[in-house]
Amino acid sequence: MNIMLVCNAGMSTGMLAKRMEKVSEGKCNVKAYGIAEYMDHLENVDIILISPQIRFESDGIKKSAGNIAVLNIDPMNYGSMNAEAVLKTVYDKLGGGK
């Protein structure tokens, strides 16, 4: 499963992306991008997760994503870098996982 995380500059989600890949035990490829660059990387993405600090951009991201599922990351899970909980949300939405 290919997961894209989108935040303001792509930096704050980088740590979460690495944790998610590790927790997924090879089931997920997770990449983080800033709002200014994510549209250049939509190919083969299964789901886009939006960080809390740019959730106001959700409607625009959903429009540009086409048929790709888009979810907002829970602020509590994001703040605590709870990769397990974020992945559970993805698996619940798309299926798969543990």
PDB file of N, CA and C in Angstrom:
ATOM      1  N   MET A   1       0.843  -1.164   0.000  1.00  0.00           N
ATOM      2  CA  MET A   1       0.000   0.000   0.000  1.00  0.00           C
ATOM      3  C   MET A   1       0.898   1.240   0.000  1.00  0.00           C
ATOM      4  N   ASN A   2       0.573   2.195  -0.837  1.00  0.00           N
ATOM      5  CA  ASN A   2       1.334   3.441  -0.935  1.00  0.00           C
ATOM      6  C   ASN A   2       0.573   4.566  -0.256  1.00  0.00           C
ATOM      7  N   ILE A   3       1.190   5.125   0.782  1.00  0.00           N
ATOM      8  CA  ILE A   3       0.562   6.162   1.592  1.00  0.00           C
ATOM      9  C   ILE A   3       1.357   7.450   1.443  1.00  0.00           C
ATOM     10  N   MET A   4       0.642   8.545   1.238  1.00  0.00           N
ATOM     11  CA  MET A   4       1.271   9.859   1.177  1.00  0.00           C
ATOM     12  C   MET A   4       0.811  10.682   2.370  1.00  0.00           C
ATOM     13  N   LEU A   5       1.763  11.275   3.066  1.00  0.00           N
ATOM     14  CA  LEU A   5       1.453  12.219   4.132  1.00  0.00           C
ATOM     15  C   LEU A   5       1.730  13.616   3.594  1.00  0.00           C
ATOM     16  N   VAL A   6       0.813  14.535   3.854  1.00  0.00           N
ATOM     17  CA  VAL A   6       0.989  15.908   3.391  1.00  0.00           C
ATOM     18  C   VAL A   6       0.919  16.840   4.595  1.00  0.00           C
ATOM     19  N   CYS A   7       1.916  17.701   4.716  1.00  0.00           N
ATOM     20  CA  CYS A   7       1.919  18.714   5.771  1.00  0.00           C
ATOM     21  C   CYS A   7       2.383  20.035   5.171  1.00  0.00           C
ATOM     22  N   ASN A   8       2.687  20.978   6.014  1.00  0.00           N
ATOM     23  CA  ASN A   8       3.051  22.300   5.527  1.00  0.00           C
ATOM     24  C   ASN A   8       4.295  22.260   4.645  1.00  0.00           C
ATOM     25  N   ALA A   9       5.368  21.654   5.137  1.00  0.00           N
ATOM     26  CA  ALA A   9       6.608  21.613   4.358  1.00  0.00           C
ATOM     27  C   ALA A   9       7.137  20.204   4.148  1.00  0.00           C
ATOM     28  N   GLY A  10       6.464  19.182   4.669  1.00  0.00           N
ATOM     29  CA  GLY A  10       6.912  17.804   4.496  1.00  0.00           C
ATOM     30  C   GLY A  10       7.905  17.343   5.544  1.00  0.00           C
ATOM     31  N   MET A  11       8.324  18.231   6.421  1.00  0.00           N
ATOM     32  CA  MET A  11       9.344  17.882   7.403  1.00  0.00           C
ATOM     33  C   MET A  11       8.735  17.188   8.623  1.00  0.00           C
ATOM     34  N   SER A  12       7.680  17.766   9.173  1.00  0.00           N
ATOM     35  CA  SER A  12       7.128  17.222  10.410  1.00  0.00           C
ATOM     36  C   SER A  12       6.527  15.837  10.225  1.00  0.00           C
ATOM     37  N   THR A  13       6.099  15.516   9.020  1.00  0.00           N
ATOM     38  CA  THR A  13       5.526  14.187   8.785  1.00  0.00           C
ATOM     39  C   THR A  13       6.592  13.148   8.461  1.00  0.00           C
ATOM     40  N   GLY A  14       7.804  13.578   8.205  1.00  0.00           N
ATOM     41  CA  GLY A  14       8.867  12.631   7.859  1.00  0.00           C
ATOM     42  C   GLY A  14       9.099  11.577   8.918  1.00  0.00           C
ATOM     43  N   MET A  15       9.121  11.990  10.185  1.00  0.00           N
ATOM     44  CA  MET A  15       9.312  11.032  11.281  1.00  0.00           C
ATOM     45  C   MET A  15       8.138  10.069  11.379  1.00  0.00           C
ATOM     46  N   LEU A  16       6.933  10.599  11.229  1.00  0.00           N
ATOM     47  CA  LEU A  16       5.753   9.743  11.286  1.00  0.00           C
ATOM     48  C   LEU A  16       5.770   8.744  10.135  1.00  0.00           C
ATOM     49  N   ALA A  17       6.159   9.183   8.948  1.00  0.00           N
ATOM     50  CA  ALA A  17       6.230   8.292   7.790  1.00  0.00           C
ATOM     51  C   ALA A  17       7.184   7.123   8.054  1.00  0.00           C
ATOM     52  N   LYS A  18       8.348   7.411   8.613  1.00  0.00           N
ATOM     53  CA  LYS A  18       9.315   6.348   8.916  1.00  0.00           C
ATOM     54  C   LYS A  18       8.762   5.370   9.939  1.00  0.00           C
ATOM     55  N   ARG A  19       8.091   5.903  10.965  1.00  0.00           N
ATOM     56  CA  ARG A  19       7.500   5.022  11.986  1.00  0.00           C
ATOM     57  C   ARG A  19       6.394   4.154  11.391  1.00  0.00           C
ATOM     58  N   MET A  20       5.591   4.738  10.514  1.00  0.00           N
ATOM     59  CA  MET A  20       4.511   3.978   9.895  1.00  0.00           C
ATOM     60  C   MET A  20       5.060   2.841   9.048  1.00  0.00           C
ATOM     61  N   GLU A  21       6.111   3.098   8.279  1.00  0.00           N
ATOM     62  CA  GLU A  21       6.718   2.038   7.467  1.00  0.00           C
ATOM     63  C   GLU A  21       7.222   0.908   8.353  1.00  0.00           C
ATOM     64  N   LYS A  22       7.874   1.255   9.440  1.00  0.00           N
ATOM     65  CA  LYS A  22       8.406   0.247  10.349  1.00  0.00           C
ATOM     66  C   LYS A  22       7.284  -0.576  10.979  1.00  0.00           C
ATOM     67  N   VAL A  23       6.262   0.099  11.478  1.00  0.00           N
ATOM     68  CA  VAL A  23       5.139  -0.577  12.125  1.00  0.00           C
ATOM     69  C   VAL A  23       4.374  -1.460  11.142  1.00  0.00           C
ATOM     70  N   SER A  24       4.331  -1.067   9.876  1.00  0.00           N
ATOM     71  CA  SER A  24       3.567  -1.836   8.882  1.00  0.00           C
ATOM     72  C   SER A  24       4.257  -3.135   8.492  1.00  0.00           C
ATOM     73  N   GLU A  25       5.490  -3.300   8.933  1.00  0.00           N
ATOM     74  CA  GLU A  25       6.249  -4.531   8.654  1.00  0.00           C
ATOM     75  C   GLU A  25       6.315  -4.839   7.163  1.00  0.00           C
ATOM     76  N   GLY A  26       6.596  -3.798   6.380  1.00  0.00           N
ATOM     77  CA  GLY A  26       6.770  -3.976   4.941  1.00  0.00           C
ATOM     78  C   GLY A  26       5.501  -3.928   4.110  1.00  0.00           C
ATOM     79  N   LYS A  27       4.366  -3.736   4.744  1.00  0.00           N
ATOM     80  CA  LYS A  27       3.099  -3.692   3.999  1.00  0.00           C
ATOM     81  C   LYS A  27       2.837  -2.342   3.358  1.00  0.00           C
ATOM     82  N   CYS A  28       3.507  -1.297   3.861  1.00  0.00           N
ATOM     83  CA  CYS A  28       3.235   0.052   3.381  1.00  0.00           C
ATOM     84  C   CYS A  28       4.504   0.789   2.985  1.00  0.00           C
ATOM     85  N   ASN A  29       4.385   1.552   1.934  1.00  0.00           N
ATOM     86  CA  ASN A  29       5.415   2.493   1.508  1.00  0.00           C
ATOM     87  C   ASN A  29       4.847   3.876   1.829  1.00  0.00           C
ATOM     88  N   VAL A  30       5.509   4.597   2.744  1.00  0.00           N
ATOM     89  CA  VAL A  30       4.966   5.867   3.229  1.00  0.00           C
ATOM     90  C   VAL A  30       5.940   6.995   2.898  1.00  0.00           C
ATOM     91  N   LYS A  31       5.445   8.021   2.226  1.00  0.00           N
ATOM     92  CA  LYS A  31       6.257   9.175   1.855  1.00  0.00           C
ATOM     93  C   LYS A  31       5.585  10.444   2.358  1.00  0.00           C
ATOM     94  N   ALA A  32       6.398  11.434   2.747  1.00  0.00           N
ATOM     95  CA  ALA A  32       5.889  12.708   3.236  1.00  0.00           C
ATOM     96  C   ALA A  32       6.270  13.828   2.277  1.00  0.00           C
ATOM     97  N   TYR A  33       5.310  14.708   2.018  1.00  0.00           N
ATOM     98  CA  TYR A  33       5.539  15.837   1.120  1.00  0.00           C
ATOM     99  C   TYR A  33       4.882  17.094   1.686  1.00  0.00           C
ATOM    100  N   GLY A  34       5.379  18.220   1.270  1.00  0.00           N
ATOM    101  CA  GLY A  34       4.771  19.492   1.620  1.00  0.00           C
ATOM    102  C   GLY A  34       3.594  19.793   0.710  1.00  0.00           C
ATOM    103  N   ILE A  35       2.758  20.699   1.155  1.00  0.00           N
ATOM    104  CA  ILE A  35       1.575  21.080   0.388  1.00  0.00           C
ATOM    105  C   ILE A  35       1.940  21.623  -0.993  1.00  0.00           C
ATOM    106  N   ALA A  36       3.097  22.239  -1.116  1.00  0.00           N
ATOM    107  CA  ALA A  36       3.506  22.826  -2.396  1.00  0.00           C
ATOM    108  C   ALA A  36       3.984  21.790  -3.400  1.00  0.00           C
ATOM    109  N   GLU A  37       4.282  20.572  -2.968  1.00  0.00           N
ATOM    110  CA  GLU A  37       4.858  19.585  -3.880  1.00  0.00           C
ATOM    111  C   GLU A  37       4.098  18.268  -4.017  1.00  0.00           C
ATOM    112  N   TYR A  38       3.105  18.023  -3.177  1.00  0.00           N
ATOM    113  CA  TYR A  38       2.459  16.711  -3.174  1.00  0.00           C
ATOM    114  C   TYR A  38       1.848  16.333  -4.521  1.00  0.00           C
ATOM    115  N   MET A  39       1.350  17.316  -5.282  1.00  0.00           N
ATOM    116  CA  MET A  39       0.678  17.005  -6.550  1.00  0.00           C
ATOM    117  C   MET A  39       1.627  16.402  -7.586  1.00  0.00           C
ATOM    118  N   ASP A  40       2.916  16.596  -7.407  1.00  0.00           N
ATOM    119  CA  ASP A  40       3.899  16.010  -8.325  1.00  0.00           C
ATOM    120  C   ASP A  40       4.157  14.541  -8.036  1.00  0.00           C
ATOM    121  N   HIS A  41       3.551  14.002  -6.979  1.00  0.00           N
ATOM    122  CA  HIS A  41       3.852  12.639  -6.533  1.00  0.00           C
ATOM    123  C   HIS A  41       2.597  11.787  -6.329  1.00  0.00           C
ATOM    124  N   LEU A  42       1.524  12.073  -7.011  1.00  0.00           N
ATOM    125  CA  LEU A  42       0.261  11.365  -6.807  1.00  0.00           C
ATOM    126  C   LEU A  42       0.193   9.988  -7.477  1.00  0.00           C
ATOM    127  N   GLU A  43       1.093   9.714  -8.379  1.00  0.00           N
ATOM    128  CA  GLU A  43       1.045   8.449  -9.107  1.00  0.00           C
ATOM    129  C   GLU A  43       1.216   7.260  -8.159  1.00  0.00           C
ATOM    130  N   ASN A  44       0.339   6.281  -8.283  1.00  0.00           N
ATOM    131  CA  ASN A  44       0.353   5.038  -7.518  1.00  0.00           C
ATOM    132  C   ASN A  44       0.100   5.222  -6.021  1.00  0.00           C
ATOM    133  N   VAL A  45      -0.475   6.346  -5.620  1.00  0.00           N
ATOM    134  CA  VAL A  45      -0.803   6.571  -4.211  1.00  0.00           C
ATOM    135  C   VAL A  45      -2.187   5.990  -3.930  1.00  0.00           C
ATOM    136  N   ASP A  46      -2.296   5.223  -2.833  1.00  0.00           N
ATOM    137  CA  ASP A  46      -3.573   4.617  -2.449  1.00  0.00           C
ATOM    138  C   ASP A  46      -4.382   5.517  -1.522  1.00  0.00           C
ATOM    139  N   ILE A  47      -3.684   6.292  -0.695  1.00  0.00           N
ATOM    140  CA  ILE A  47      -4.370   7.158   0.255  1.00  0.00           C
ATOM    141  C   ILE A  47      -3.461   8.332   0.620  1.00  0.00           C
ATOM    142  N   ILE A  48      -4.091   9.477   0.839  1.00  0.00           N
ATOM    143  CA  ILE A  48      -3.386  10.678   1.269  1.00  0.00           C
ATOM    144  C   ILE A  48      -3.850  11.010   2.676  1.00  0.00           C
ATOM    145  N   LEU A  49      -2.894  11.218   3.570  1.00  0.00           N
ATOM    146  CA  LEU A  49      -3.198  11.621   4.940  1.00  0.00           C
ATOM    147  C   LEU A  49      -2.734  13.060   5.137  1.00  0.00           C
ATOM    148  N   ILE A  50      -3.609  13.894   5.659  1.00  0.00           N
ATOM    149  CA  ILE A  50      -3.327  15.314   5.830  1.00  0.00           C
ATOM    150  C   ILE A  50      -3.015  15.602   7.288  1.00  0.00           C
ATOM    151  N   SER A  51      -1.913  16.291   7.514  1.00  0.00           N
ATOM    152  CA  SER A  51      -1.522  16.624   8.879  1.00  0.00           C
ATOM    153  C   SER A  51      -2.475  17.671   9.467  1.00  0.00           C
ATOM    154  N   PRO A  52      -2.586  17.688  10.798  1.00  0.00           N
ATOM    155  CA  PRO A  52      -3.533  18.620  11.431  1.00  0.00           C
ATOM    156  C   PRO A  52      -3.286  20.095  11.101  1.00  0.00           C
ATOM    157  N   GLN A  53      -2.032  20.503  10.939  1.00  0.00           N
ATOM    158  CA  GLN A  53      -1.766  21.919  10.727  1.00  0.00           C
ATOM    159  C   GLN A  53      -2.238  22.436   9.368  1.00  0.00           C
ATOM    160  N   ILE A  54      -2.551  21.547   8.432  1.00  0.00           N
ATOM    161  CA  ILE A  54      -3.081  22.011   7.137  1.00  0.00           C
ATOM    162  C   ILE A  54      -4.442  21.392   6.823  1.00  0.00           C
ATOM    163  N   ARG A  55      -5.161  20.968   7.837  1.00  0.00           N
ATOM    164  CA  ARG A  55      -6.467  20.342   7.573  1.00  0.00           C
ATOM    165  C   ARG A  55      -7.422  21.285   6.862  1.00  0.00           C
ATOM    166  N   PHE A  56      -7.191  22.594   6.957  1.00  0.00           N
ATOM    167  CA  PHE A  56      -8.013  23.566   6.226  1.00  0.00           C
ATOM    168  C   PHE A  56      -7.842  23.420   4.718  1.00  0.00           C
ATOM    169  N   GLU A  57      -6.817  22.690   4.277  1.00  0.00           N
ATOM    170  CA  GLU A  57      -6.568  22.453   2.850  1.00  0.00           C
ATOM    171  C   GLU A  57      -7.273  21.182   2.344  1.00  0.00           C
ATOM    172  N   SER A  58      -8.007  20.493   3.217  1.00  0.00           N
ATOM    173  CA  SER A  58      -8.612  19.192   2.878  1.00  0.00           C
ATOM    174  C   SER A  58      -9.438  19.203   1.601  1.00  0.00           C
ATOM    175  N   ASP A  59     -10.320  20.182   1.462  1.00  0.00           N
ATOM    176  CA  ASP A  59     -11.192  20.222   0.280  1.00  0.00           C
ATOM    177  C   ASP A  59     -10.395  20.342  -1.011  1.00  0.00           C
ATOM    178  N   GLY A  60      -9.384  21.210  -1.025  1.00  0.00           N
ATOM    179  CA  GLY A  60      -8.546  21.371  -2.205  1.00  0.00           C
ATOM    180  C   GLY A  60      -7.748  20.124  -2.521  1.00  0.00           C
ATOM    181  N   ILE A  61      -7.238  19.477  -1.485  1.00  0.00           N
ATOM    182  CA  ILE A  61      -6.471  18.242  -1.691  1.00  0.00           C
ATOM    183  C   ILE A  61      -7.383  17.151  -2.229  1.00  0.00           C
ATOM    184  N   LYS A  62      -8.592  17.041  -1.690  1.00  0.00           N
ATOM    185  CA  LYS A  62      -9.541  16.031  -2.174  1.00  0.00           C
ATOM    186  C   LYS A  62      -9.862  16.249  -3.652  1.00  0.00           C
ATOM    187  N   LYS A  63     -10.028  17.500  -4.045  1.00  0.00           N
ATOM    188  CA  LYS A  63     -10.315  17.797  -5.450  1.00  0.00           C
ATOM    189  C   LYS A  63      -9.151  17.419  -6.356  1.00  0.00           C
ATOM    190  N   SER A  64      -7.950  17.722  -5.933  1.00  0.00           N
ATOM    191  CA  SER A  64      -6.785  17.421  -6.771  1.00  0.00           C
ATOM    192  C   SER A  64      -6.421  15.941  -6.746  1.00  0.00           C
ATOM    193  N   ALA A  65      -6.899  15.202  -5.740  1.00  0.00           N
ATOM    194  CA  ALA A  65      -6.542  13.785  -5.590  1.00  0.00           C
ATOM    195  C   ALA A  65      -7.347  12.870  -6.506  1.00  0.00           C
ATOM    196  N   GLY A  66      -8.423  13.351  -7.057  1.00  0.00           N
ATOM    197  CA  GLY A  66      -9.237  12.497  -7.924  1.00  0.00           C
ATOM    198  C   GLY A  66      -9.860  11.357  -7.142  1.00  0.00           C
ATOM    199  N   ASN A  67      -9.541  10.120  -7.537  1.00  0.00           N
ATOM    200  CA  ASN A  67     -10.125   8.935  -6.898  1.00  0.00           C
ATOM    201  C   ASN A  67      -9.325   8.428  -5.706  1.00  0.00           C
ATOM    202  N   ILE A  68      -8.283   9.124  -5.311  1.00  0.00           N
ATOM    203  CA  ILE A  68      -7.461   8.698  -4.177  1.00  0.00           C
ATOM    204  C   ILE A  68      -8.180   9.062  -2.885  1.00  0.00           C
ATOM    205  N   ALA A  69      -8.231   8.104  -1.956  1.00  0.00           N
ATOM    206  CA  ALA A  69      -8.839   8.370  -0.647  1.00  0.00           C
ATOM    207  C   ALA A  69      -8.005   9.419   0.092  1.00  0.00           C
ATOM    208  N   VAL A  70      -8.703  10.301   0.814  1.00  0.00           N
ATOM    209  CA  VAL A  70      -8.034  11.364   1.581  1.00  0.00           C
ATOM    210  C   VAL A  70      -8.609  11.378   2.989  1.00  0.00           C
ATOM    211  N   LEU A  71      -7.722  11.378   3.976  1.00  0.00           N
ATOM    212  CA  LEU A  71      -8.128  11.436   5.385  1.00  0.00           C
ATOM    213  C   LEU A  71      -7.306  12.469   6.129  1.00  0.00           C
ATOM    214  N   ASN A  72      -7.907  13.069   7.151  1.00  0.00           N
ATOM    215  CA  ASN A  72      -7.170  13.937   8.060  1.00  0.00           C
ATOM    216  C   ASN A  72      -6.589  13.070   9.172  1.00  0.00           C
ATOM    217  N   ILE A  73      -5.349  13.345   9.554  1.00  0.00           N
ATOM    218  CA  ILE A  73      -4.722  12.622  10.652  1.00  0.00           C
ATOM    219  C   ILE A  73      -5.251  13.201  11.960  1.00  0.00           C
ATOM    220  N   ASP A  74      -5.655  12.327  12.863  1.00  0.00           N
ATOM    221  CA  ASP A  74      -6.117  12.750  14.183  1.00  0.00           C
ATOM    222  C   ASP A  74      -5.007  13.546  14.879  1.00  0.00           C
ATOM    223  N   PRO A  75      -5.315  14.745  15.375  1.00  0.00           N
ATOM    224  CA  PRO A  75      -4.279  15.568  16.003  1.00  0.00           C
ATOM    225  C   PRO A  75      -3.566  14.896  17.185  1.00  0.00           C
ATOM    226  N   MET A  76      -4.275  14.130  17.972  1.00  0.00           N
ATOM    227  CA  MET A  76      -3.653  13.441  19.106  1.00  0.00           C
ATOM    228  C   MET A  76      -2.663  12.390  18.624  1.00  0.00           C
ATOM    229  N   ASN A  77      -3.050  11.623  17.627  1.00  0.00           N
ATOM    230  CA  ASN A  77      -2.153  10.598  17.082  1.00  0.00           C
ATOM    231  C   ASN A  77      -0.954  11.229  16.389  1.00  0.00           C
ATOM    232  N   TYR A  78      -1.184  12.359  15.744  1.00  0.00           N
ATOM    233  CA  TYR A  78      -0.095  13.054  15.071  1.00  0.00           C
ATOM    234  C   TYR A  78       0.894  13.616  16.086  1.00  0.00           C
ATOM    235  N   GLY A  79       0.380  14.292  17.086  1.00  0.00           N
ATOM    236  CA  GLY A  79       1.229  14.909  18.098  1.00  0.00           C
ATOM    237  C   GLY A  79       2.072  13.911  18.868  1.00  0.00           C
ATOM    238  N   SER A  80       1.512  12.717  19.084  1.00  0.00           N
ATOM    239  CA  SER A  80       2.246  11.677  19.812  1.00  0.00           C
ATOM    240  C   SER A  80       3.011  10.747  18.874  1.00  0.00           C
ATOM    241  N   MET A  81       2.948  11.034  17.558  1.00  0.00           N
ATOM    242  CA  MET A  81       3.595  10.196  16.542  1.00  0.00           C
ATOM    243  C   MET A  81       3.184   8.726  16.695  1.00  0.00           C
ATOM    244  N   ASN A  82       1.885   8.521  16.921  1.00  0.00           N
ATOM    245  CA  ASN A  82       1.342   7.179  17.136  1.00  0.00           C
ATOM    246  C   ASN A  82       1.083   6.512  15.777  1.00  0.00           C
ATOM    247  N   ALA A  83       2.135   5.931  15.231  1.00  0.00           N
ATOM    248  CA  ALA A  83       2.059   5.306  13.907  1.00  0.00           C
ATOM    249  C   ALA A  83       1.061   4.160  13.868  1.00  0.00           C
ATOM    250  N   GLU A  84       0.961   3.404  14.952  1.00  0.00           N
ATOM    251  CA  GLU A  84       0.023   2.281  15.000  1.00  0.00           C
ATOM    252  C   GLU A  84      -1.414   2.761  14.813  1.00  0.00           C
ATOM    253  N   ALA A  85      -1.782   3.818  15.536  1.00  0.00           N
ATOM    254  CA  ALA A  85      -3.149   4.337  15.444  1.00  0.00           C
ATOM    255  C   ALA A  85      -3.429   4.930  14.066  1.00  0.00           C
ATOM    256  N   VAL A  86      -2.451   5.631  13.497  1.00  0.00           N
ATOM    257  CA  VAL A  86      -2.640   6.213  12.166  1.00  0.00           C
ATOM    258  C   VAL A  86      -2.814   5.095  11.134  1.00  0.00           C
ATOM    259  N   LEU A  87      -1.999   4.058  11.239  1.00  0.00           N
ATOM    260  CA  LEU A  87      -2.134   2.928  10.310  1.00  0.00           C
ATOM    261  C   LEU A  87      -3.463   2.216  10.485  1.00  0.00           C
ATOM    262  N   LYS A  88      -3.935   2.082  11.715  1.00  0.00           N
ATOM    263  CA  LYS A  88      -5.231   1.448  11.943  1.00  0.00           C
ATOM    264  C   LYS A  88      -6.333   2.214  11.213  1.00  0.00           C
ATOM    265  N   THR A  89      -6.252   3.534  11.240  1.00  0.00           N
ATOM    266  CA  THR A  89      -7.223   4.363  10.525  1.00  0.00           C
ATOM    267  C   THR A  89      -7.164   4.088   9.022  1.00  0.00           C
ATOM    268  N   VAL A  90      -5.950   3.974   8.492  1.00  0.00           N
ATOM    269  CA  VAL A  90      -5.776   3.677   7.064  1.00  0.00           C
ATOM    270  C   VAL A  90      -6.335   2.303   6.738  1.00  0.00           C
ATOM    271  N   TYR A  91      -5.987   1.292   7.552  1.00  0.00           N
ATOM    272  CA  TYR A  91      -6.480  -0.064   7.307  1.00  0.00           C
ATOM    273  C   TYR A  91      -7.991  -0.131   7.411  1.00  0.00           C
ATOM    274  N   ASP A  92      -8.570   0.595   8.373  1.00  0.00           N
ATOM    275  CA  ASP A  92     -10.024   0.616   8.502  1.00  0.00           C
ATOM    276  C   ASP A  92     -10.685   1.209   7.261  1.00  0.00           C
ATOM    277  N   LYS A  93     -10.045   2.231   6.680  1.00  0.00           N
ATOM    278  CA  LYS A  93     -10.587   2.894   5.495  1.00  0.00           C
ATOM    279  C   LYS A  93     -10.418   2.037   4.235  1.00  0.00           C
ATOM    280  N   LEU A  94      -9.228   1.457   4.067  1.00  0.00           N
ATOM    281  CA  LEU A  94      -8.909   0.756   2.820  1.00  0.00           C
ATOM    282  C   LEU A  94      -8.902  -0.764   2.921  1.00  0.00           C
ATOM    283  N   GLY A  95      -8.894  -1.274   4.138  1.00  0.00           N
ATOM    284  CA  GLY A  95      -8.749  -2.718   4.327  1.00  0.00           C
ATOM    285  C   GLY A  95      -7.287  -3.084   4.367  1.00  0.00           C
ATOM    286  N   GLY A  96      -7.019  -4.323   4.691  1.00  0.00           N
ATOM    287  CA  GLY A  96      -5.618  -4.782   4.785  1.00  0.00           C
ATOM    288  C   GLY A  96      -5.079  -4.630   6.178  1.00  0.00           C
ATOM    289  N   GLY A  97      -3.806  -4.794   6.308  1.00  0.00           N
ATOM    290  CA  GLY A  97      -3.181  -4.659   7.622  1.00  0.00           C
ATOM    291  C   GLY A  97      -3.159  -5.952   8.385  1.00  0.00           C
ATOM    292  N   LYS A  98      -3.239  -5.831   9.694  1.00  0.00           N
ATOM    293  CA  LYS A  98      -3.048  -6.975  10.583  1.00  0.00           C
ATOM    294  C   LYS A  98      -4.319  -7.731  10.815  1.00  0.00           C
TER     295      LYS A  98
END
